[in-house]
């Protein structure tokens, strides 16, 4: 199991403990439910774009460092 998969399991467990459906989190954060499920279940690489953004928001990946001007 990769570190991201382990974190995804922790996020799912946290949602379950709090009684929050993944679909509710997706709706509240403006993401399609299917995209969030794909990230949490490891069907998307999360290297860039929307999957990466979702992974960062879920805490699966660190936020990218901002470039200095």
Protein backbone atom coordinates (compact mmCIF):
# COMPACT_ATOMS: atom_id res chain seq x y z
CA UNK A 1 0.00 0.00 0.00
CA UNK A 2 1.41 3.38 -0.99
CA UNK A 3 1.45 6.34 1.42
CA UNK A 4 -1.35 8.05 -0.54
CA UNK A 5 -3.50 4.91 -0.37
CA UNK A 6 -2.93 4.71 3.38
CA UNK A 7 -3.89 8.37 3.80
CA UNK A 8 -6.97 7.82 1.62
CA UNK A 9 -8.06 5.01 3.95
CA UNK A 10 -7.57 7.36 6.91
CA UNK A 11 -9.64 10.07 5.22
CA UNK A 12 -12.45 7.61 4.47
CA UNK A 13 -12.36 6.38 8.08
CA UNK A 14 -12.44 9.96 9.34
CA UNK A 15 -15.47 10.72 7.19
CA UNK A 16 -17.18 7.58 8.51
CA UNK A 17 -16.36 8.47 12.13
CA UNK A 18 -17.84 11.93 11.67
CA UNK A 19 -20.87 10.62 9.80
CA UNK A 20 -20.00 12.65 6.70
CA UNK A 21 -20.65 10.97 3.34
CA UNK A 22 -17.93 11.48 0.74
CA UNK A 23 -20.64 12.77 -1.58
CA UNK A 24 -21.52 15.52 0.91
CA UNK A 25 -17.87 16.60 1.16
CA UNK A 26 -17.65 16.66 -2.64
CA UNK A 27 -20.80 18.77 -2.96
CA UNK A 28 -19.69 21.21 -0.24
CA UNK A 29 -16.31 21.70 -1.90
CA UNK A 30 -17.62 22.06 -5.46
CA UNK A 31 -16.28 18.78 -6.87
CA UNK A 32 -18.05 16.06 -8.75
CA UNK A 33 -18.68 13.06 -6.54
CA UNK A 34 -17.18 10.69 -9.10
CA UNK A 35 -13.92 12.68 -9.17
CA UNK A 36 -13.57 12.52 -5.38
CA UNK A 37 -14.30 8.79 -5.33
CA UNK A 38 -11.72 8.21 -8.08
CA UNK A 39 -9.08 10.03 -6.04
CA UNK A 40 -9.95 8.24 -2.78
CA UNK A 41 -10.07 4.82 -4.41
CA UNK A 42 -6.81 5.23 -6.31
CA UNK A 43 -8.20 5.23 -9.84
CA UNK A 44 -6.57 8.58 -10.63
CA UNK A 45 -2.85 9.38 -10.44
CA UNK A 46 -3.39 12.84 -8.82
CA UNK A 47 -0.28 14.29 -10.46
CA UNK A 48 -1.85 17.47 -11.84
CA UNK A 49 -5.09 19.25 -12.53
CA UNK A 50 -8.34 18.57 -10.73
CA UNK A 51 -7.34 15.19 -9.24
CA UNK A 52 -4.25 16.80 -7.72
CA UNK A 53 -6.34 19.68 -6.37
CA UNK A 54 -8.77 17.24 -4.75
CA UNK A 55 -5.92 15.21 -3.24
CA UNK A 56 -4.41 18.36 -1.72
CA UNK A 57 -7.79 19.49 -0.35
CA UNK A 58 -8.34 16.05 1.21
CA UNK A 59 -4.87 16.15 2.76
CA UNK A 60 -3.54 13.24 0.71
CA UNK A 61 -0.76 15.37 -0.80
CA UNK A 62 1.02 18.48 0.42
CA UNK A 63 0.08 21.80 -1.12
CA UNK A 64 2.55 22.87 -3.81
CA UNK A 65 5.03 25.56 -2.84
CA UNK A 66 4.23 28.93 -4.30
CA UNK A 67 6.74 30.30 -6.78
CA UNK A 68 8.62 33.39 -5.67
CA UNK A 69 8.40 36.38 -8.05
